[in-house]
Amino acid sequence: MNDTTDHTSGTGPGKPLLPYGIPYPPPLPAKIGYEENGQAHLIDPDWSKHARFFAARDDLWGEGFQTRAYHNDDPTGNGRRFQGDWDVQYRLGNPSNVPWPDVVAKWGLQVLDKAGFINLKLGRPDSMYNTQGRFFPKRPAAWKGDTVHPVFRQDMWKDITDDEYLIMQPALLLASAVLDDPTTMCLLHALVTPSCHSTFQDNAIREGIRIQVPDSLTEAEQQSVFQKLCDMRKWTSFGWEDLHKLDARKSLAYTVPFPAQPASAK
């Protein structure tokens, strides 16, 4: 991959598009380039495959990241293509060739660690006793609420203790980051928007629905998707099941209907 554009977040503290979220992720380009037979080409990136061709460092304000292309043929190990390329601090993408979750495949373990989602150190302000992203103190005052997405907050879990929820918080923060990711938001918008659907005929399933996922959403569309997710609080709850019951169902998890009991947002 030969895309060497330096992508800077350029996002200072300000009113966010959503009332929750993980601020200032590494910015990634909408198009990436490669050369073939001496010809330059631009393609839409598949970040599960292409993120490993990029690296990041802390931005100048300590509020986010800068990213640039990473070139594996640099003998210094800094992935430089040009002499002026800055030293990288974090590699993006999968850390190995084994399958990893999508959020790791995109951002990489080093960035997730820096953002405060893994390897939290006890005794620090961002430790598991005060679990939050490490950029959380830099948010606007009006945004300094619960960083866990409303559908994952403690009142959504049946018969869970404060200590159990505290242990779960790093994983729930990471799940919140996945829901807050622009790719996820665009997909959820397309799923619930009829204008994004089209039908097609198939010999096996007769009639199917094809979904056109938009590249980006307006602020109003983001707010709408967020509200639809929050509406799940009216009819959803989570809980732990006995291992023997799960084994009998040959399942790691399952869903059951329950009477709608609106949960108050926190």
C-alpha atoms as a PDB file:
ATOM      1  CA  MET A   1       0.000   0.000   0.000  1.00  0.00           C
ATOM      2  CA  ASN A   2       1.527   3.326  -1.023  1.00  0.00           C
ATOM      3  CA  ASP A   3      -0.878   5.892   0.421  1.00  0.00           C
ATOM      4  CA  THR A   4       1.373   8.285   2.369  1.00  0.00           C
ATOM      5  CA  THR A   5      -1.105  11.013   3.227  1.00  0.00           C
ATOM      6  CA  ASP A   6      -0.811  12.245   6.820  1.00  0.00           C
ATOM      7  CA  HIS A   7      -4.281  12.222   8.367  1.00  0.00           C
ATOM      8  CA  THR A   8      -4.713  14.494  11.384  1.00  0.00           C
ATOM      9  CA  SER A   9      -7.850  14.433  13.486  1.00  0.00           C
ATOM     10  CA  GLY A  10      -8.095  18.220  13.783  1.00  0.00           C
ATOM     11  CA  THR A  11     -10.945  17.703  16.220  1.00  0.00           C
ATOM     12  CA  GLY A  12     -10.774  19.855  19.308  1.00  0.00           C
ATOM     13  CA  PRO A  13     -13.144  19.673  22.263  1.00  0.00           C
ATOM     14  CA  GLY A  14     -16.603  20.810  21.324  1.00  0.00           C
ATOM     15  CA  LYS A  15     -20.204  19.697  21.340  1.00  0.00           C
ATOM     16  CA  PRO A  16     -20.268  16.056  20.197  1.00  0.00           C
ATOM     17  CA  LEU A  17     -22.729  14.685  17.680  1.00  0.00           C
ATOM     18  CA  LEU A  18     -23.918  12.136  20.233  1.00  0.00           C
ATOM     19  CA  PRO A  19     -24.462  12.503  23.991  1.00  0.00           C
ATOM     20  CA  TYR A  20     -22.033   9.656  24.704  1.00  0.00           C
ATOM     21  CA  GLY A  21     -19.113   8.064  22.986  1.00  0.00           C
ATOM     22  CA  ILE A  22     -15.397   7.508  22.694  1.00  0.00           C
ATOM     23  CA  PRO A  23     -13.742  10.758  21.552  1.00  0.00           C
ATOM     24  CA  TYR A  24     -11.173  11.343  18.877  1.00  0.00           C
ATOM     25  CA  PRO A  25     -10.374   7.921  17.373  1.00  0.00           C
ATOM     26  CA  PRO A  26      -7.528   7.754  14.844  1.00  0.00           C
ATOM     27  CA  PRO A  27      -8.711   9.355  11.577  1.00  0.00           C
ATOM     28  CA  LEU A  28      -8.523   7.071   8.571  1.00  0.00           C
ATOM     29  CA  PRO A  29      -8.733   8.054   4.888  1.00  0.00           C
ATOM     30  CA  ALA A  30     -11.864   7.502   2.836  1.00  0.00           C
ATOM     31  CA  LYS A  31      -9.710   6.148  -0.018  1.00  0.00           C
ATOM     32  CA  ILE A  32      -6.382   4.339  -0.027  1.00  0.00           C
ATOM     33  CA  GLY A  33      -3.954   3.941  -2.898  1.00  0.00           C
ATOM     34  CA  TYR A  34      -1.809   1.217  -4.364  1.00  0.00           C
ATOM     35  CA  GLU A  35       0.396   0.758  -7.396  1.00  0.00           C
ATOM     36  CA  GLU A  36       0.057  -1.993  -9.987  1.00  0.00           C
ATOM     37  CA  ASN A  37       2.117  -2.228 -13.161  1.00  0.00           C
ATOM     38  CA  GLY A  38       3.277   1.334 -12.615  1.00  0.00           C
ATOM     39  CA  GLN A  39      -0.280   2.657 -12.354  1.00  0.00           C
ATOM     40  CA  ALA A  40      -1.721   4.321  -9.226  1.00  0.00           C
ATOM     41  CA  HIS A  41      -5.166   3.225  -8.099  1.00  0.00           C
ATOM     42  CA  LEU A  42      -7.587   4.415  -5.384  1.00  0.00           C
ATOM     43  CA  ILE A  43      -9.933   1.977  -3.676  1.00  0.00           C
ATOM     44  CA  ASP A  44     -12.431   1.975  -0.812  1.00  0.00           C
ATOM     45  CA  PRO A  45     -10.649   0.516   2.224  1.00  0.00           C
ATOM     46  CA  ASP A  46     -11.714  -2.648   3.988  1.00  0.00           C
ATOM     47  CA  TRP A  47     -10.338  -1.844   7.426  1.00  0.00           C
ATOM     48  CA  SER A  48     -10.319  -5.457   8.566  1.00  0.00           C
ATOM     49  CA  LYS A  49      -7.685  -5.995   5.842  1.00  0.00           C
ATOM     50  CA  HIS A  50      -6.057  -2.610   5.280  1.00  0.00           C
ATOM     51  CA  ALA A  51      -5.669  -1.062   8.746  1.00  0.00           C
ATOM     52  CA  ARG A  52      -2.360  -2.885   9.178  1.00  0.00           C
ATOM     53  CA  PHE A  53      -0.907  -0.600   6.503  1.00  0.00           C
ATOM     54  CA  PHE A  54      -1.337   2.392   8.853  1.00  0.00           C
ATOM     55  CA  ALA A  55       0.171   3.559  12.121  1.00  0.00           C
ATOM     56  CA  ALA A  56      -0.532   6.342  14.605  1.00  0.00           C
ATOM     57  CA  ARG A  57       0.957   8.636  17.194  1.00  0.00           C
ATOM     58  CA  ASP A  58      -0.479  10.993  19.829  1.00  0.00           C
ATOM     59  CA  ASP A  59      -1.577  14.310  18.379  1.00  0.00           C
ATOM     60  CA  LEU A  60      -0.040  17.617  19.466  1.00  0.00           C
ATOM     61  CA  TRP A  61      -2.896  18.373  21.879  1.00  0.00           C
ATOM     62  CA  GLY A  62      -2.902  15.008  23.645  1.00  0.00           C
ATOM     63  CA  GLU A  63      -6.560  14.606  22.725  1.00  0.00           C
ATOM     64  CA  GLY A  64      -6.384  12.082  19.918  1.00  0.00           C
ATOM     65  CA  PHE A  65      -4.171  10.652  17.211  1.00  0.00           C
ATOM     66  CA  GLN A  66      -2.476  11.356  13.924  1.00  0.00           C
ATOM     67  CA  THR A  67      -2.208   8.545  11.397  1.00  0.00           C
ATOM     68  CA  ARG A  68      -0.043   7.897   8.369  1.00  0.00           C
ATOM     69  CA  ALA A  69       0.717   5.022   6.036  1.00  0.00           C
ATOM     70  CA  TYR A  70       3.113   2.378   7.362  1.00  0.00           C
ATOM     71  CA  HIS A  71       5.620   0.784   4.970  1.00  0.00           C
ATOM     72  CA  ASN A  72       6.917  -2.602   5.990  1.00  0.00           C
ATOM     73  CA  ASP A  73      10.096  -2.336   3.903  1.00  0.00           C
ATOM     74  CA  ASP A  74      11.590   0.397   6.146  1.00  0.00           C
ATOM     75  CA  PRO A  75      14.649  -1.189   7.869  1.00  0.00           C
ATOM     76  CA  THR A  76      14.360   1.227  10.826  1.00  0.00           C
ATOM     77  CA  GLY A  77      11.049  -0.350  11.882  1.00  0.00           C
ATOM     78  CA  ASN A  78       9.290   3.032  11.735  1.00  0.00           C
ATOM     79  CA  GLY A  79       7.470   2.293   8.500  1.00  0.00           C
ATOM     80  CA  ARG A  80       8.881   5.354   6.698  1.00  0.00           C
ATOM     81  CA  ARG A  81       8.679   5.928   2.999  1.00  0.00           C
ATOM     82  CA  PHE A  82      10.030   9.494   3.077  1.00  0.00           C
ATOM     83  CA  GLN A  83      12.735  10.996   5.266  1.00  0.00           C
ATOM     84  CA  GLY A  84      10.294  13.439   6.876  1.00  0.00           C
ATOM     85  CA  ASP A  85       7.852  10.768   8.033  1.00  0.00           C
ATOM     86  CA  TRP A  86       7.406  10.932  11.817  1.00  0.00           C
ATOM     87  CA  ASP A  87       8.113   8.032  14.152  1.00  0.00           C
ATOM     88  CA  VAL A  88       5.100   5.861  14.884  1.00  0.00           C
ATOM     89  CA  GLN A  89       3.910   5.021  18.376  1.00  0.00           C
ATOM     90  CA  TYR A  90       1.077   2.617  17.590  1.00  0.00           C
ATOM     91  CA  ARG A  91       0.403   0.068  14.863  1.00  0.00           C
ATOM     92  CA  LEU A  92      -3.156  -0.237  13.617  1.00  0.00           C
ATOM     93  CA  GLY A  93      -4.811  -3.436  12.472  1.00  0.00           C
ATOM     94  CA  ASN A  94      -4.587  -7.064  13.517  1.00  0.00           C
ATOM     95  CA  PRO A  95      -1.557  -7.875  15.686  1.00  0.00           C
ATOM     96  CA  SER A  96      -1.288 -11.352  14.075  1.00  0.00           C
ATOM     97  CA  ASN A  97      -2.774 -13.445  11.300  1.00  0.00           C
ATOM     98  CA  VAL A  98      -5.265 -15.232  13.550  1.00  0.00           C
ATOM     99  CA  PRO A  99      -8.878 -13.931  13.483  1.00  0.00           C
ATOM    100  CA  TRP A 100      -9.515 -10.927  15.735  1.00  0.00           C
ATOM    101  CA  PRO A 101     -12.715  -8.992  16.510  1.00  0.00           C
ATOM    102  CA  ASP A 102     -13.521  -6.209  14.034  1.00  0.00           C
ATOM    103  CA  VAL A 103     -12.698  -3.413  16.478  1.00  0.00           C
ATOM    104  CA  VAL A 104      -9.174  -4.846  16.968  1.00  0.00           C
ATOM    105  CA  ALA A 105      -8.768  -5.422  13.234  1.00  0.00           C
ATOM    106  CA  LYS A 106      -9.464  -1.726  12.658  1.00  0.00           C
ATOM    107  CA  TRP A 107      -7.746   0.113  15.519  1.00  0.00           C
ATOM    108  CA  GLY A 108      -5.204  -2.395  16.825  1.00  0.00           C
ATOM    109  CA  LEU A 109      -4.459  -3.369  20.410  1.00  0.00           C
ATOM    110  CA  GLN A 110      -1.957  -0.540  20.982  1.00  0.00           C
ATOM    111  CA  VAL A 111      -4.461   2.222  20.218  1.00  0.00           C
ATOM    112  CA  LEU A 112      -7.181   0.516  22.261  1.00  0.00           C
ATOM    113  CA  ASP A 113      -4.739   0.300  25.156  1.00  0.00           C
ATOM    114  CA  LYS A 114      -3.777   3.965  24.818  1.00  0.00           C
ATOM    115  CA  ALA A 115      -7.461   4.959  24.719  1.00  0.00           C
ATOM    116  CA  GLY A 116      -7.980   3.196  28.050  1.00  0.00           C
ATOM    117  CA  PHE A 117     -10.042   0.160  27.059  1.00  0.00           C
ATOM    118  CA  ILE A 118      -7.544  -2.585  27.962  1.00  0.00           C
ATOM    119  CA  ASN A 119      -4.628  -3.082  30.337  1.00  0.00           C
ATOM    120  CA  LEU A 120      -5.993  -0.530  32.786  1.00  0.00           C
ATOM    121  CA  LYS A 121      -3.513   0.053  35.621  1.00  0.00           C
ATOM    122  CA  LEU A 122      -4.786   0.041  39.179  1.00  0.00           C
ATOM    123  CA  GLY A 123      -4.296   3.239  41.126  1.00  0.00           C
ATOM    124  CA  ARG A 124      -4.455   5.523  38.066  1.00  0.00           C
ATOM    125  CA  PRO A 125      -7.378   7.873  37.351  1.00  0.00           C
ATOM    126  CA  ASP A 126      -8.262   5.652  34.390  1.00  0.00           C
ATOM    127  CA  SER A 127      -8.009   2.408  36.347  1.00  0.00           C
ATOM    128  CA  MET A 128     -10.832  -0.108  36.717  1.00  0.00           C
ATOM    129  CA  TYR A 129     -11.972   1.774  39.826  1.00  0.00           C
ATOM    130  CA  ASN A 130     -12.764   4.744  37.611  1.00  0.00           C
ATOM    131  CA  THR A 131     -13.031   3.110  34.213  1.00  0.00           C
ATOM    132  CA  GLN A 132     -13.045   5.560  31.330  1.00  0.00           C
ATOM    133  CA  GLY A 133     -11.131   6.397  28.206  1.00  0.00           C
ATOM    134  CA  ARG A 134      -7.906   8.253  28.879  1.00  0.00           C
ATOM    135  CA  PHE A 135      -9.105  11.266  26.900  1.00  0.00           C
ATOM    136  CA  PHE A 136     -12.234  11.526  29.048  1.00  0.00           C
ATOM    137  CA  PRO A 137     -10.962  14.435  31.225  1.00  0.00           C
ATOM    138  CA  LYS A 138     -10.551  16.584  28.095  1.00  0.00           C
ATOM    139  CA  ARG A 139     -14.215  16.352  27.125  1.00  0.00           C
ATOM    140  CA  PRO A 140     -16.530  19.358  27.425  1.00  0.00           C
ATOM    141  CA  ALA A 141     -18.110  19.582  30.876  1.00  0.00           C
ATOM    142  CA  ALA A 142     -21.591  18.943  29.470  1.00  0.00           C
ATOM    143  CA  TRP A 143     -20.380  15.613  28.046  1.00  0.00           C
ATOM    144  CA  LYS A 144     -18.770  14.231  31.191  1.00  0.00           C
ATOM    145  CA  GLY A 145     -21.495  11.731  32.031  1.00  0.00           C
ATOM    146  CA  ASP A 146     -21.542   7.957  31.956  1.00  0.00           C
ATOM    147  CA  THR A 147     -19.251   6.765  29.162  1.00  0.00           C
ATOM    148  CA  VAL A 148     -20.986   3.393  28.862  1.00  0.00           C
ATOM    149  CA  HIS A 149     -23.649   3.274  26.143  1.00  0.00           C
ATOM    150  CA  PRO A 150     -27.195   3.458  27.627  1.00  0.00           C
ATOM    151  CA  VAL A 151     -28.082  -0.056  26.436  1.00  0.00           C
ATOM    152  CA  PHE A 152     -25.176  -1.522  28.443  1.00  0.00           C
ATOM    153  CA  ARG A 153     -25.571   0.428  31.694  1.00  0.00           C
ATOM    154  CA  GLN A 154     -25.978  -1.260  35.046  1.00  0.00           C
ATOM    155  CA  ASP A 155     -29.770  -0.993  35.265  1.00  0.00           C
ATOM    156  CA  MET A 156     -30.019  -3.135  32.122  1.00  0.00           C
ATOM    157  CA  TRP A 157     -28.432  -6.130  33.905  1.00  0.00           C
ATOM    158  CA  LYS A 158     -30.624  -8.358  36.068  1.00  0.00           C
ATOM    159  CA  ASP A 159     -29.433  -9.255  39.562  1.00  0.00           C
ATOM    160  CA  ILE A 160     -25.930  -7.866  39.092  1.00  0.00           C
ATOM    161  CA  THR A 161     -23.876  -6.459  41.955  1.00  0.00           C
ATOM    162  CA  ASP A 162     -21.905  -3.224  41.855  1.00  0.00           C
ATOM    163  CA  ASP A 163     -18.641  -5.177  42.033  1.00  0.00           C
ATOM    164  CA  GLU A 164     -19.645  -7.430  39.113  1.00  0.00           C
ATOM    165  CA  TYR A 165     -20.590  -4.424  36.999  1.00  0.00           C
ATOM    166  CA  LEU A 166     -17.293  -2.726  37.859  1.00  0.00           C
ATOM    167  CA  ILE A 167     -15.371  -5.734  36.599  1.00  0.00           C
ATOM    168  CA  MET A 168     -17.377  -5.667  33.347  1.00  0.00           C
ATOM    169  CA  GLN A 169     -16.899  -1.954  32.662  1.00  0.00           C
ATOM    170  CA  PRO A 170     -13.734  -2.149  30.487  1.00  0.00           C
ATOM    171  CA  ALA A 171     -15.480  -4.643  28.176  1.00  0.00           C
ATOM    172  CA  LEU A 172     -18.649  -2.523  28.145  1.00  0.00           C
ATOM    173  CA  LEU A 173     -16.629   0.578  27.246  1.00  0.00           C
ATOM    174  CA  LEU A 174     -15.172  -1.299  24.316  1.00  0.00           C
ATOM    175  CA  ALA A 175     -18.649  -2.454  23.267  1.00  0.00           C
ATOM    176  CA  SER A 176     -19.767   1.187  23.527  1.00  0.00           C
ATOM    177  CA  ALA A 177     -16.930   2.181  21.220  1.00  0.00           C
ATOM    178  CA  VAL A 178     -18.114  -0.383  18.671  1.00  0.00           C
ATOM    179  CA  LEU A 179     -21.659   1.033  18.728  1.00  0.00           C
ATOM    180  CA  ASP A 180     -20.234   4.548  18.445  1.00  0.00           C
ATOM    181  CA  ASP A 181     -18.056   3.658  15.456  1.00  0.00           C
ATOM    182  CA  PRO A 182     -19.204   5.444  12.255  1.00  0.00           C
ATOM    183  CA  THR A 183     -19.264   2.154  10.336  1.00  0.00           C
ATOM    184  CA  THR A 184     -21.611   0.610  12.900  1.00  0.00           C
ATOM    185  CA  MET A 185     -23.842   3.686  12.958  1.00  0.00           C
ATOM    186  CA  CYS A 186     -24.172   3.663   9.154  1.00  0.00           C
ATOM    187  CA  LEU A 187     -25.055  -0.047   9.167  1.00  0.00           C
ATOM    188  CA  LEU A 188     -27.687   0.352  11.901  1.00  0.00           C
ATOM    189  CA  HIS A 189     -29.185   3.329  10.043  1.00  0.00           C
ATOM    190  CA  ALA A 190     -29.478   1.256   6.866  1.00  0.00           C
ATOM    191  CA  LEU A 191     -31.102  -1.662   8.707  1.00  0.00           C
ATOM    192  CA  VAL A 192     -33.962   0.486  10.048  1.00  0.00           C
ATOM    193  CA  THR A 193     -34.423   2.786   7.032  1.00  0.00           C
ATOM    194  CA  PRO A 194     -36.740   1.388   4.319  1.00  0.00           C
ATOM    195  CA  SER A 195     -35.316   3.731   1.677  1.00  0.00           C
ATOM    196  CA  CYS A 196     -31.995   1.880   2.038  1.00  0.00           C
ATOM    197  CA  HIS A 197     -33.667  -1.445   1.153  1.00  0.00           C
ATOM    198  CA  SER A 198     -34.218  -3.024  -2.238  1.00  0.00           C
ATOM    199  CA  THR A 199     -35.558  -6.470  -3.097  1.00  0.00           C
ATOM    200  CA  PHE A 200     -34.098  -9.092  -5.397  1.00  0.00           C
ATOM    201  CA  GLN A 201     -35.138 -12.543  -6.562  1.00  0.00           C
ATOM    202  CA  ASP A 202     -33.149 -15.617  -5.653  1.00  0.00           C
ATOM    203  CA  ASN A 203     -33.817 -19.266  -6.484  1.00  0.00           C
ATOM    204  CA  ALA A 204     -32.963 -20.394  -2.964  1.00  0.00           C
ATOM    205  CA  ILE A 205     -34.739 -17.783  -0.824  1.00  0.00           C
ATOM    206  CA  ARG A 206     -37.174 -16.517  -3.481  1.00  0.00           C
ATOM    207  CA  GLU A 207     -37.168 -12.866  -2.468  1.00  0.00           C
ATOM    208  CA  GLY A 208     -34.398 -11.192  -0.533  1.00  0.00           C
ATOM    209  CA  ILE A 209     -33.606  -7.704   0.696  1.00  0.00           C
ATOM    210  CA  ARG A 210     -30.414  -5.919  -0.264  1.00  0.00           C
ATOM    211  CA  ILE A 211     -29.283  -3.102   2.052  1.00  0.00           C
ATOM    212  CA  GLN A 212     -27.401  -0.057   0.778  1.00  0.00           C
ATOM    213  CA  VAL A 213     -25.213   1.233   3.610  1.00  0.00           C
ATOM    214  CA  PRO A 214     -24.405   4.967   3.355  1.00  0.00           C
ATOM    215  CA  ASP A 215     -20.820   6.194   3.688  1.00  0.00           C
ATOM    216  CA  SER A 216     -21.751   8.763   6.342  1.00  0.00           C
ATOM    217  CA  LEU A 217     -24.695  10.118   8.327  1.00  0.00           C
ATOM    218  CA  THR A 218     -25.937  13.600   9.091  1.00  0.00           C
ATOM    219  CA  GLU A 219     -26.106  14.734  12.702  1.00  0.00           C
ATOM    220  CA  ALA A 220     -29.889  14.220  12.684  1.00  0.00           C
ATOM    221  CA  GLU A 221     -29.474  10.668  11.339  1.00  0.00           C
ATOM    222  CA  GLN A 222     -26.905   9.883  14.032  1.00  0.00           C
ATOM    223  CA  GLN A 223     -29.245  11.179  16.717  1.00  0.00           C
ATOM    224  CA  SER A 224     -32.060   9.062  15.264  1.00  0.00           C
ATOM    225  CA  VAL A 225     -29.970   5.877  15.312  1.00  0.00           C
ATOM    226  CA  PHE A 226     -28.851   6.609  18.870  1.00  0.00           C
ATOM    227  CA  GLN A 227     -32.453   7.092  19.994  1.00  0.00           C
ATOM    228  CA  LYS A 228     -33.563   3.831  18.363  1.00  0.00           C
ATOM    229  CA  LEU A 229     -30.795   2.010  20.235  1.00  0.00           C
ATOM    230  CA  CYS A 230     -31.871   3.667  23.486  1.00  0.00           C
ATOM    231  CA  ASP A 231     -35.453   2.552  22.839  1.00  0.00           C
ATOM    232  CA  MET A 232     -34.200  -1.016  23.340  1.00  0.00           C
ATOM    233  CA  ARG A 233     -34.137  -0.196  27.049  1.00  0.00           C
ATOM    234  CA  LYS A 234     -37.947  -0.458  27.045  1.00  0.00           C
ATOM    235  CA  TRP A 235     -38.003  -4.166  26.194  1.00  0.00           C
ATOM    236  CA  THR A 236     -34.495  -5.543  26.761  1.00  0.00           C
ATOM    237  CA  SER A 237     -32.483  -6.708  29.751  1.00  0.00           C
ATOM    238  CA  PHE A 238     -29.323  -8.775  30.175  1.00  0.00           C
ATOM    239  CA  GLY A 239     -28.471 -11.425  32.707  1.00  0.00           C
ATOM    240  CA  TRP A 240     -26.304 -14.442  33.476  1.00  0.00           C
ATOM    241  CA  GLU A 241     -27.623 -17.943  32.925  1.00  0.00           C
ATOM    242  CA  ASP A 242     -26.717 -21.175  34.697  1.00  0.00           C
ATOM    243  CA  LEU A 243     -24.014 -23.055  32.771  1.00  0.00           C
ATOM    244  CA  HIS A 244     -26.026 -26.291  32.866  1.00  0.00           C
ATOM    245  CA  LYS A 245     -28.967 -24.589  31.134  1.00  0.00           C
ATOM    246  CA  LEU A 246     -26.661 -23.140  28.474  1.00  0.00           C
ATOM    247  CA  ASP A 247     -25.089 -26.541  27.919  1.00  0.00           C
ATOM    248  CA  ALA A 248     -28.529 -28.129  27.546  1.00  0.00           C
ATOM    249  CA  ARG A 249     -29.312 -25.588  24.802  1.00  0.00           C
ATOM    250  CA  LYS A 250     -25.883 -26.094  23.205  1.00  0.00           C
ATOM    251  CA  SER A 251     -25.491 -22.330  23.302  1.00  0.00           C
ATOM    252  CA  LEU A 252     -23.272 -19.635  24.780  1.00  0.00           C
ATOM    253  CA  ALA A 253     -26.207 -17.215  25.022  1.00  0.00           C
ATOM    254  CA  TYR A 254     -29.885 -17.034  24.129  1.00  0.00           C
ATOM    255  CA  THR A 255     -32.821 -14.645  24.215  1.00  0.00           C
ATOM    256  CA  VAL A 256     -36.238 -15.004  25.806  1.00  0.00           C
ATOM    257  CA  PRO A 257     -39.281 -12.683  25.673  1.00  0.00           C
ATOM    258  CA  PHE A 258     -40.222 -10.786  28.771  1.00  0.00           C
ATOM    259  CA  PRO A 259     -42.939  -8.214  29.610  1.00  0.00           C
ATOM    260  CA  ALA A 260     -41.950  -4.724  28.500  1.00  0.00           C
ATOM    261  CA  GLN A 261     -40.755  -2.805  31.538  1.00  0.00           C
ATOM    262  CA  PRO A 262     -39.337   0.619  30.595  1.00  0.00           C
ATOM    263  CA  ALA A 263     -35.977   1.249  32.180  1.00  0.00           C
ATOM    264  CA  SER A 264     -35.215   4.764  33.235  1.00  0.00           C
ATOM    265  CA  ALA A 265     -32.197   6.256  31.475  1.00  0.00           C
ATOM    266  CA  LYS A 266     -29.234   7.169  33.608  1.00  0.00           C
END
